[in-house]
Amino acid sequence: MNSREKGNIAEEKAVEFLLSQKFEIIDRNFYTRFGEIDIIAKKDNILHFIEVKSGQNFQSIYNVTPQKIAKITKTLNVYLKKYKLKNPYQIDVITIDNNNNLEFIKNLSMF
């Protein structure tokens, strides 16, 4: 199984988790020239731009670099402008290790 297939499986698990937590999935794999946002979800009128990371031996938050957060921020700004949205939003991360342990890290930055 290649890394893209593993990533797709992890994203599906993340979506299942989010739905179980009463999130509404708005969009997936939103691409711009700046990068991609894996999952865009909404709960309590807050947009959640969610990065999904999977693999072995994850150290949770340390797998999302400042450069990755900058790319996500540029990409989410394109999304907000494209759809003329003014909702409050935040960047979240879901990590899934090889044992299917899921960690939901909320609100890396609130805007």
N, C-alpha and C. Protein backbone atom coordinates (compact mmCIF):
# COMPACT_ATOMS: atom_id res chain seq x y z
N MET A 1 0.85 -1.18 0.00
CA MET A 1 0.00 0.00 0.00
C MET A 1 0.90 1.24 0.00
N ASN A 2 0.63 2.16 -0.92
CA ASN A 2 1.47 3.37 -0.99
C ASN A 2 1.01 4.41 0.03
N SER A 3 1.80 5.48 0.14
CA SER A 3 1.52 6.49 1.17
C SER A 3 0.20 7.22 0.91
N ARG A 4 -0.16 7.41 -0.36
CA ARG A 4 -1.43 8.09 -0.65
C ARG A 4 -2.61 7.24 -0.20
N GLU A 5 -2.53 5.92 -0.45
CA GLU A 5 -3.60 5.03 0.00
C GLU A 5 -3.71 5.02 1.52
N LYS A 6 -2.56 5.00 2.20
CA LYS A 6 -2.56 5.06 3.66
C LYS A 6 -3.15 6.38 4.14
N GLY A 7 -2.81 7.46 3.45
CA GLY A 7 -3.37 8.77 3.79
C GLY A 7 -4.87 8.81 3.63
N ASN A 8 -5.37 8.20 2.55
CA ASN A 8 -6.82 8.16 2.33
C ASN A 8 -7.54 7.39 3.43
N ILE A 9 -6.94 6.28 3.86
CA ILE A 9 -7.54 5.49 4.94
C ILE A 9 -7.56 6.32 6.23
N ALA A 10 -6.46 7.00 6.52
CA ALA A 10 -6.41 7.85 7.72
C ALA A 10 -7.44 8.97 7.65
N GLU A 11 -7.59 9.58 6.48
CA GLU A 11 -8.60 10.65 6.34
C GLU A 11 -10.01 10.11 6.55
N GLU A 12 -10.27 8.91 6.07
CA GLU A 12 -11.60 8.30 6.29
C GLU A 12 -11.85 8.09 7.77
N LYS A 13 -10.84 7.61 8.50
CA LYS A 13 -10.97 7.42 9.94
C LYS A 13 -11.19 8.75 10.64
N ALA A 14 -10.50 9.77 10.19
CA ALA A 14 -10.66 11.10 10.77
C ALA A 14 -12.08 11.62 10.53
N VAL A 15 -12.60 11.43 9.33
CA VAL A 15 -13.97 11.86 9.02
C VAL A 15 -14.97 11.12 9.90
N GLU A 16 -14.80 9.80 10.05
CA GLU A 16 -15.70 9.03 10.91
C GLU A 16 -15.68 9.58 12.34
N PHE A 17 -14.48 9.88 12.83
CA PHE A 17 -14.35 10.43 14.18
C PHE A 17 -15.08 11.77 14.28
N LEU A 18 -14.84 12.66 13.32
CA LEU A 18 -15.47 13.98 13.34
C LEU A 18 -16.99 13.88 13.30
N LEU A 19 -17.51 13.01 12.45
CA LEU A 19 -18.96 12.82 12.39
C LEU A 19 -19.50 12.32 13.72
N SER A 20 -18.76 11.43 14.38
CA SER A 20 -19.20 10.92 15.69
C SER A 20 -19.21 12.02 16.75
N GLN A 21 -18.42 13.09 16.51
CA GLN A 21 -18.36 14.22 17.44
C GLN A 21 -19.29 15.36 17.01
N LYS A 22 -20.18 15.07 16.07
CA LYS A 22 -21.22 16.01 15.61
C LYS A 22 -20.68 17.15 14.75
N PHE A 23 -19.55 16.93 14.08
CA PHE A 23 -19.05 17.90 13.11
C PHE A 23 -19.78 17.67 11.79
N GLU A 24 -19.96 18.73 11.04
CA GLU A 24 -20.48 18.64 9.67
C GLU A 24 -19.27 18.75 8.75
N ILE A 25 -19.11 17.79 7.86
CA ILE A 25 -18.00 17.83 6.91
C ILE A 25 -18.42 18.72 5.75
N ILE A 26 -17.66 19.79 5.51
CA ILE A 26 -17.98 20.77 4.49
C ILE A 26 -17.25 20.47 3.18
N ASP A 27 -15.97 20.10 3.29
CA ASP A 27 -15.15 19.88 2.10
C ASP A 27 -13.98 18.98 2.47
N ARG A 28 -13.40 18.35 1.46
CA ARG A 28 -12.22 17.51 1.67
C ARG A 28 -11.22 17.77 0.56
N ASN A 29 -9.95 17.70 0.91
CA ASN A 29 -8.85 17.83 -0.06
C ASN A 29 -9.00 19.09 -0.91
N PHE A 30 -9.11 20.22 -0.23
CA PHE A 30 -9.19 21.51 -0.92
C PHE A 30 -7.78 21.94 -1.30
N TYR A 31 -7.55 22.06 -2.62
CA TYR A 31 -6.22 22.38 -3.14
C TYR A 31 -6.14 23.82 -3.63
N THR A 32 -4.99 24.44 -3.38
CA THR A 32 -4.64 25.71 -4.00
C THR A 32 -3.16 25.61 -4.38
N ARG A 33 -2.65 26.67 -4.98
CA ARG A 33 -1.22 26.67 -5.31
C ARG A 33 -0.35 26.71 -4.05
N PHE A 34 -0.95 27.06 -2.92
CA PHE A 34 -0.21 27.14 -1.66
C PHE A 34 -0.13 25.80 -0.94
N GLY A 35 -1.11 24.95 -1.19
CA GLY A 35 -1.14 23.67 -0.51
C GLY A 35 -2.53 23.09 -0.47
N GLU A 36 -2.72 22.16 0.44
CA GLU A 36 -3.99 21.43 0.55
C GLU A 36 -4.46 21.44 2.00
N ILE A 37 -5.78 21.46 2.15
CA ILE A 37 -6.39 21.24 3.45
C ILE A 37 -7.13 19.91 3.35
N ASP A 38 -6.81 18.99 4.28
CA ASP A 38 -7.38 17.65 4.20
C ASP A 38 -8.88 17.64 4.44
N ILE A 39 -9.31 18.28 5.52
CA ILE A 39 -10.74 18.26 5.87
C ILE A 39 -11.15 19.66 6.34
N ILE A 40 -12.29 20.10 5.84
CA ILE A 40 -12.90 21.34 6.33
C ILE A 40 -14.23 20.93 6.94
N ALA A 41 -14.39 21.23 8.22
CA ALA A 41 -15.59 20.82 8.94
C ALA A 41 -16.16 22.03 9.68
N LYS A 42 -17.38 21.85 10.16
CA LYS A 42 -18.04 22.94 10.89
C LYS A 42 -18.74 22.37 12.11
N LYS A 43 -18.63 23.09 13.21
CA LYS A 43 -19.34 22.74 14.44
C LYS A 43 -19.56 24.02 15.22
N ASP A 44 -20.78 24.20 15.69
CA ASP A 44 -21.13 25.41 16.46
C ASP A 44 -20.75 26.69 15.72
N ASN A 45 -20.96 26.69 14.41
CA ASN A 45 -20.71 27.83 13.52
C ASN A 45 -19.22 28.19 13.40
N ILE A 46 -18.34 27.33 13.86
CA ILE A 46 -16.90 27.54 13.71
C ILE A 46 -16.39 26.59 12.63
N LEU A 47 -15.63 27.16 11.69
CA LEU A 47 -15.00 26.33 10.67
C LEU A 47 -13.72 25.74 11.22
N HIS A 48 -13.50 24.48 10.95
CA HIS A 48 -12.30 23.77 11.39
C HIS A 48 -11.54 23.32 10.15
N PHE A 49 -10.33 23.81 10.00
CA PHE A 49 -9.46 23.42 8.91
C PHE A 49 -8.51 22.38 9.50
N ILE A 50 -8.66 21.13 9.05
CA ILE A 50 -8.04 20.01 9.75
C ILE A 50 -6.99 19.33 8.89
N GLU A 51 -5.80 19.23 9.45
CA GLU A 51 -4.69 18.50 8.86
C GLU A 51 -4.69 17.09 9.45
N VAL A 52 -4.60 16.08 8.60
CA VAL A 52 -4.55 14.69 9.06
C VAL A 52 -3.15 14.15 8.81
N LYS A 53 -2.55 13.61 9.85
CA LYS A 53 -1.22 13.00 9.77
C LYS A 53 -1.33 11.57 10.24
N SER A 54 -0.69 10.66 9.50
CA SER A 54 -0.71 9.26 9.90
C SER A 54 0.68 8.66 9.72
N GLY A 55 0.93 7.60 10.47
CA GLY A 55 2.21 6.91 10.38
C GLY A 55 2.56 6.29 11.70
N GLN A 56 3.78 5.84 11.79
CA GLN A 56 4.20 5.19 13.03
C GLN A 56 5.01 6.15 13.89
N ASN A 57 4.98 5.87 15.18
CA ASN A 57 5.78 6.63 16.14
C ASN A 57 5.52 8.13 16.10
N PHE A 58 4.27 8.52 16.00
CA PHE A 58 3.97 9.94 15.93
C PHE A 58 4.16 10.61 17.26
N GLN A 59 4.71 11.79 17.21
CA GLN A 59 4.87 12.65 18.38
C GLN A 59 3.83 13.75 18.29
N SER A 60 2.63 13.42 17.87
CA SER A 60 1.47 14.29 17.72
C SER A 60 1.80 15.64 17.09
N ILE A 61 1.76 16.69 17.82
CA ILE A 61 1.82 18.05 17.27
C ILE A 61 3.14 18.34 16.57
N TYR A 62 4.20 17.65 16.93
CA TYR A 62 5.51 17.92 16.33
C TYR A 62 5.60 17.55 14.86
N ASN A 63 4.58 16.86 14.35
CA ASN A 63 4.56 16.49 12.94
C ASN A 63 3.98 17.57 12.05
N VAL A 64 3.51 18.64 12.63
CA VAL A 64 3.00 19.77 11.85
C VAL A 64 3.95 20.94 12.10
N THR A 65 4.72 21.25 11.08
CA THR A 65 5.76 22.28 11.20
C THR A 65 5.18 23.68 11.06
N PRO A 66 5.92 24.69 11.47
CA PRO A 66 5.47 26.07 11.24
C PRO A 66 5.27 26.35 9.74
N GLN A 67 6.08 25.74 8.90
CA GLN A 67 5.92 25.93 7.45
C GLN A 67 4.59 25.35 6.97
N LYS A 68 4.21 24.19 7.53
CA LYS A 68 2.94 23.57 7.15
C LYS A 68 1.78 24.43 7.63
N ILE A 69 1.87 24.98 8.82
CA ILE A 69 0.81 25.86 9.33
C ILE A 69 0.69 27.10 8.45
N ALA A 70 1.81 27.64 7.98
CA ALA A 70 1.78 28.80 7.08
C ALA A 70 1.07 28.45 5.78
N LYS A 71 1.34 27.26 5.23
CA LYS A 71 0.67 26.83 4.00
C LYS A 71 -0.83 26.64 4.23
N ILE A 72 -1.18 26.04 5.35
CA ILE A 72 -2.60 25.86 5.67
C ILE A 72 -3.29 27.21 5.80
N THR A 73 -2.62 28.16 6.46
CA THR A 73 -3.20 29.49 6.64
C THR A 73 -3.43 30.18 5.30
N LYS A 74 -2.46 30.11 4.39
CA LYS A 74 -2.65 30.71 3.06
C LYS A 74 -3.79 30.02 2.33
N THR A 75 -3.85 28.70 2.43
CA THR A 75 -4.89 27.95 1.73
C THR A 75 -6.27 28.24 2.31
N LEU A 76 -6.38 28.32 3.63
CA LEU A 76 -7.69 28.60 4.21
C LEU A 76 -8.15 30.01 3.88
N ASN A 77 -7.23 30.94 3.74
CA ASN A 77 -7.62 32.30 3.33
C ASN A 77 -8.20 32.30 1.92
N VAL A 78 -7.65 31.48 1.04
CA VAL A 78 -8.21 31.34 -0.32
C VAL A 78 -9.62 30.76 -0.21
N TYR A 79 -9.81 29.76 0.62
CA TYR A 79 -11.12 29.13 0.80
C TYR A 79 -12.14 30.15 1.31
N LEU A 80 -11.76 30.90 2.32
CA LEU A 80 -12.68 31.90 2.89
C LEU A 80 -13.08 32.94 1.86
N LYS A 81 -12.12 33.41 1.07
CA LYS A 81 -12.41 34.40 0.03
C LYS A 81 -13.27 33.81 -1.08
N LYS A 82 -12.92 32.60 -1.50
CA LYS A 82 -13.66 31.95 -2.60
C LYS A 82 -15.14 31.81 -2.26
N TYR A 83 -15.44 31.43 -1.01
CA TYR A 83 -16.83 31.21 -0.61
C TYR A 83 -17.43 32.36 0.19
N LYS A 84 -16.67 33.47 0.27
CA LYS A 84 -17.13 34.68 0.95
C LYS A 84 -17.63 34.37 2.37
N LEU A 85 -16.82 33.65 3.12
CA LEU A 85 -17.18 33.24 4.47
C LEU A 85 -16.55 34.17 5.50
N LYS A 86 -17.29 34.41 6.55
CA LYS A 86 -16.79 35.27 7.62
C LYS A 86 -16.88 34.57 8.98
N ASN A 87 -17.08 33.26 8.95
CA ASN A 87 -17.17 32.48 10.19
C ASN A 87 -15.86 32.55 10.97
N PRO A 88 -15.94 32.44 12.29
CA PRO A 88 -14.70 32.22 13.04
C PRO A 88 -14.14 30.86 12.62
N TYR A 89 -12.83 30.70 12.74
CA TYR A 89 -12.23 29.43 12.32
C TYR A 89 -11.00 29.12 13.15
N GLN A 90 -10.59 27.87 13.03
CA GLN A 90 -9.39 27.44 13.70
C GLN A 90 -8.74 26.31 12.91
N ILE A 91 -7.47 26.10 13.19
CA ILE A 91 -6.71 25.02 12.57
C ILE A 91 -6.56 23.91 13.61
N ASP A 92 -6.94 22.70 13.21
CA ASP A 92 -6.84 21.52 14.07
C ASP A 92 -6.00 20.47 13.37
N VAL A 93 -5.53 19.49 14.14
CA VAL A 93 -4.77 18.37 13.60
C VAL A 93 -5.32 17.08 14.17
N ILE A 94 -5.45 16.08 13.31
CA ILE A 94 -5.76 14.73 13.76
C ILE A 94 -4.59 13.85 13.37
N THR A 95 -4.01 13.16 14.36
CA THR A 95 -2.95 12.20 14.09
C THR A 95 -3.49 10.80 14.33
N ILE A 96 -3.05 9.88 13.48
CA ILE A 96 -3.45 8.48 13.61
C ILE A 96 -2.19 7.65 13.45
N ASP A 97 -1.88 6.86 14.49
CA ASP A 97 -0.68 6.03 14.39
C ASP A 97 -1.01 4.66 13.80
N ASN A 98 0.00 3.83 13.64
CA ASN A 98 -0.20 2.51 13.00
C ASN A 98 -1.07 1.58 13.82
N ASN A 99 -1.30 1.89 15.09
CA ASN A 99 -2.19 1.10 15.93
C ASN A 99 -3.60 1.68 15.95
N ASN A 100 -3.86 2.62 15.04
CA ASN A 100 -5.17 3.29 14.92
C ASN A 100 -5.52 4.14 16.13
N ASN A 101 -4.53 4.56 16.89
CA ASN A 101 -4.77 5.52 17.97
C ASN A 101 -4.92 6.90 17.35
N LEU A 102 -6.02 7.55 17.64
CA LEU A 102 -6.33 8.85 17.07
C LEU A 102 -6.18 9.91 18.15
N GLU A 103 -5.53 11.00 17.78
CA GLU A 103 -5.42 12.15 18.68
C GLU A 103 -5.94 13.38 17.94
N PHE A 104 -6.85 14.10 18.58
CA PHE A 104 -7.45 15.30 18.00
C PHE A 104 -6.87 16.49 18.74
N ILE A 105 -6.06 17.26 18.05
CA ILE A 105 -5.42 18.43 18.64
C ILE A 105 -6.15 19.65 18.12
N LYS A 106 -6.86 20.31 19.01
CA LYS A 106 -7.75 21.41 18.62
C LYS A 106 -7.05 22.74 18.71
N ASN A 107 -7.42 23.61 17.79
CA ASN A 107 -7.14 25.03 17.87
C ASN A 107 -5.66 25.37 17.99
N LEU A 108 -4.91 24.98 16.95
CA LEU A 108 -3.50 25.39 16.91
C LEU A 108 -3.40 26.89 16.92
N SER A 109 -4.38 27.55 16.31
CA SER A 109 -4.42 29.02 16.31
C SER A 109 -5.85 29.44 16.08
N MET A 110 -6.31 30.39 16.82
CA MET A 110 -7.70 30.86 16.70
C MET A 110 -7.69 32.24 16.07
N PHE A 111 -8.58 32.44 15.11
CA PHE A 111 -8.65 33.72 14.40
C PHE A 111 -10.04 34.30 14.54
